[in-house]
Each structure stands twice: as C-alpha cells, then as structure tokens.
Amino acid sequence: MTDVINNPEVTDDDWTAALAESKPAGEVATQAAPNGDEPHMFQRLTKAGTPAGGNPSDIDLILDIPVTLTVELGRTRIPIKHILQLAQGSVIELEALAGEPMDVLVNGCLIAQGEVVVVNEKFGIRLTDIVTPSERVRRLNR
C-alpha cells in the first residue's frame, strides 16, 4: 500500500478511476482471502455500532472491566518545600470553594459533578450534573 502511495507514477487520475470502480457506499465490503478461499464478508453495522442481527447485549463483555472512579474535592499547586513542611494538623488550601460541586472522574476523565452526602455514617456523592459525551470529547481535545 505504501508503494502505491509513494509511487510518483500513480496519478490523481488513477485514484479517481479506482474510486469509480469501488462499490457504492452502503454495500457490504468484501475482501478476498489470501489463500483463495471465499472472500470475507464484513457485517453491516447498525447505528449503535453492533452488527445487524447481532447480539445487542455485546456490551456485557465489558461490564466487568474495573475502572478507577475518583471524586475530587479540589486541587492546588504547592512547591515541594511546603510539602516537606507538612505535619499532622496542617491545613492545605484548595482552589475549590466550599459548596462547589465536586468532580467525578473515571480513569482521570471527568464524567459528572455532584455534592457530598452522608448515608449511614458513610460519605457518598449525589450526582447533580452528567457530562455529555460530546462535552467529554471537547475536553479531551484541549
């Protein structure tokens, strides 16, 4: 493939002709097997990304994968010399204000914000805002 791309003898007209010979969009793509057997048929995908007629519960395959969920109270930047001076009872000022929503991250990616709650003497977080998938992608591109 790289030989064709880097070959100066291949012109734009060659690419145009090759594209014209290709099947119209929407048809099932085929590829000849290297050993001369039946060509491999790729299944048509649905809008959800699963093969048409496939098992819609294929997401079950990933449901048991562990991820790290982090609830972040706040952050700050301090020099190492101040860290070395910390002792029991030291107070570290955070950039977040009291009452601000806390960030909920999965594997370091912000997915929601929420507020602290106490249930049966244990801390928890009540989600108040879920980050949309498009917003997550926009944040990744920063």
Protein backbone atom coordinates (compact mmCIF):
# COMPACT_ATOMS: atom_id res chain seq x y z
CA MET A 1 0.00 0.00 0.00
CA THR A 2 2.77 2.45 0.84
CA ASP A 3 4.41 1.63 -2.51
CA VAL A 4 1.29 2.83 -4.31
CA ILE A 5 1.01 5.95 -2.18
CA ASN A 6 4.68 6.90 -2.59
CA ASN A 7 4.90 5.88 -6.26
CA PRO A 8 5.25 9.02 -8.43
CA GLU A 9 3.84 7.08 -11.42
CA VAL A 10 0.43 6.84 -9.71
CA THR A 11 -1.54 9.96 -10.63
CA ASP A 12 -4.72 11.53 -9.33
CA ASP A 13 -6.50 10.08 -12.37
CA ASP A 14 -5.52 6.59 -11.19
CA TRP A 15 -7.07 7.30 -7.80
CA THR A 16 -10.22 8.70 -9.43
CA ALA A 17 -10.56 5.61 -11.59
CA ALA A 18 -10.02 3.31 -8.61
CA LEU A 19 -12.67 5.15 -6.61
CA ALA A 20 -15.12 5.00 -9.52
CA GLU A 21 -14.67 1.23 -9.69
CA SER A 22 -15.37 0.81 -5.99
CA LYS A 23 -18.81 -0.24 -4.86
CA PRO A 24 -21.36 2.43 -3.93
CA ALA A 25 -21.49 3.45 -0.26
CA GLY A 26 -23.74 1.29 1.87
CA GLU A 27 -22.89 -2.03 0.21
CA VAL A 28 -21.27 -4.79 2.23
CA ALA A 29 -17.50 -4.72 1.74
CA THR A 30 -15.71 -7.89 0.64
CA GLN A 31 -12.07 -8.83 0.71
CA ALA A 32 -10.51 -11.83 -0.98
CA ALA A 33 -8.86 -14.27 1.38
CA PRO A 34 -5.09 -14.64 0.84
CA ASN A 35 -5.36 -18.41 0.29
CA GLY A 36 -8.00 -18.07 -2.47
CA ASP A 37 -10.96 -19.21 -0.32
CA GLU A 38 -14.31 -17.41 -0.14
CA PRO A 39 -13.97 -13.65 0.27
CA HIS A 40 -14.51 -12.41 3.82
CA MET A 41 -17.80 -10.61 4.34
CA PHE A 42 -17.89 -7.75 6.80
CA GLN A 43 -21.16 -7.40 8.64
CA ARG A 44 -23.16 -4.22 8.19
CA LEU A 45 -23.16 -2.14 11.37
CA THR A 46 -26.24 -0.57 12.89
CA LYS A 47 -26.32 2.97 14.29
CA ALA A 48 -25.49 1.55 17.72
CA GLY A 49 -22.27 0.06 16.31
CA THR A 50 -23.34 -3.58 16.66
CA PRO A 51 -23.56 -5.91 13.65
CA ALA A 52 -27.03 -6.05 12.11
CA GLY A 53 -28.78 -9.10 13.53
CA GLY A 54 -26.01 -9.38 16.14
CA ASN A 55 -26.44 -9.70 19.85
CA PRO A 56 -27.33 -6.24 21.23
CA SER A 57 -26.03 -7.28 24.65
CA ASP A 58 -22.41 -7.45 23.43
CA ILE A 59 -21.76 -4.60 25.86
CA ASP A 60 -22.00 -7.30 28.54
CA LEU A 61 -18.45 -8.27 27.54
CA ILE A 62 -17.03 -5.06 29.00
CA LEU A 63 -19.31 -4.58 32.02
CA ASP A 64 -16.91 -6.40 34.39
CA ILE A 65 -13.80 -4.38 33.42
CA PRO A 66 -12.67 -2.47 36.50
CA VAL A 67 -12.12 1.28 36.25
CA THR A 68 -10.93 3.81 38.80
CA LEU A 69 -13.64 6.19 40.00
CA THR A 70 -12.31 9.30 41.72
CA VAL A 71 -14.24 12.03 43.49
CA GLU A 72 -12.11 15.14 43.61
CA LEU A 73 -12.67 17.63 46.40
CA GLY A 74 -10.23 20.17 44.96
CA ARG A 75 -6.70 20.80 43.77
CA THR A 76 -3.82 23.10 44.48
CA ARG A 77 -0.22 23.60 43.35
CA ILE A 78 2.40 24.00 46.02
CA PRO A 79 6.19 23.79 45.96
CA ILE A 80 7.93 20.69 47.26
CA LYS A 81 9.48 22.67 50.13
CA HIS A 82 5.96 23.31 51.50
CA ILE A 83 5.06 19.63 51.18
CA LEU A 84 8.14 18.72 53.25
CA GLN A 85 6.95 21.11 55.97
CA LEU A 86 3.54 19.43 56.32
CA ALA A 87 2.76 17.82 59.66
CA GLN A 88 -0.26 16.33 61.36
CA GLY A 89 -2.88 19.07 61.65
CA SER A 90 -1.53 21.11 58.71
CA VAL A 91 -4.16 22.73 56.51
CA ILE A 92 -3.81 22.81 52.73
CA GLU A 93 -5.89 25.46 50.97
CA LEU A 94 -7.62 24.13 47.84
CA GLU A 95 -8.71 26.08 44.78
CA ALA A 96 -12.31 24.84 45.15
CA LEU A 97 -14.72 26.90 47.21
CA ALA A 98 -16.92 25.45 49.95
CA GLY A 99 -20.24 24.34 48.46
CA GLU A 100 -18.89 23.98 44.91
CA PRO A 101 -19.76 20.74 43.11
CA MET A 102 -17.16 18.00 43.31
CA ASP A 103 -15.75 16.41 40.15
CA VAL A 104 -16.36 12.70 39.47
CA LEU A 105 -13.68 11.17 37.26
CA VAL A 106 -13.39 7.73 35.68
CA ASN A 107 -9.81 6.83 34.85
CA GLY A 108 -8.97 10.53 35.10
CA CYS A 109 -11.73 11.67 32.70
CA LEU A 110 -14.45 13.97 34.06
CA ILE A 111 -17.86 12.31 33.70
CA ALA A 112 -20.02 14.12 36.28
CA GLN A 113 -20.24 16.57 39.14
CA GLY A 114 -22.02 16.16 42.44
CA GLU A 115 -22.44 17.09 46.07
CA VAL A 116 -21.33 15.29 49.21
CA VAL A 117 -23.97 13.33 51.14
CA VAL A 118 -23.77 11.21 54.28
CA VAL A 119 -25.66 7.90 54.28
CA ASN A 120 -25.47 5.56 57.29
CA GLU A 121 -22.40 7.43 58.58
CA LYS A 122 -20.54 6.96 55.26
CA PHE A 123 -19.71 9.65 52.74
CA GLY A 124 -21.15 9.45 49.26
CA ILE A 125 -21.79 11.73 46.33
CA ARG A 126 -25.12 12.68 44.79
CA LEU A 127 -24.64 13.33 41.08
CA THR A 128 -26.03 16.71 40.08
CA ASP A 129 -24.68 17.02 36.53
CA ILE A 130 -23.60 14.38 34.00
CA VAL A 131 -21.08 15.43 31.35
CA THR A 132 -22.42 14.69 27.86
CA PRO A 133 -20.31 12.53 25.52
CA SER A 134 -19.77 15.48 23.16
CA GLU A 135 -18.54 17.61 26.09
CA ARG A 136 -16.14 14.81 27.12
CA VAL A 137 -14.69 14.72 23.61
CA ARG A 138 -14.35 18.51 23.58
CA ARG A 139 -12.46 18.41 26.91
CA LEU A 140 -10.10 15.72 25.56
CA ASN A 141 -9.16 17.95 22.63
CA ARG A 142 -7.87 20.75 24.89
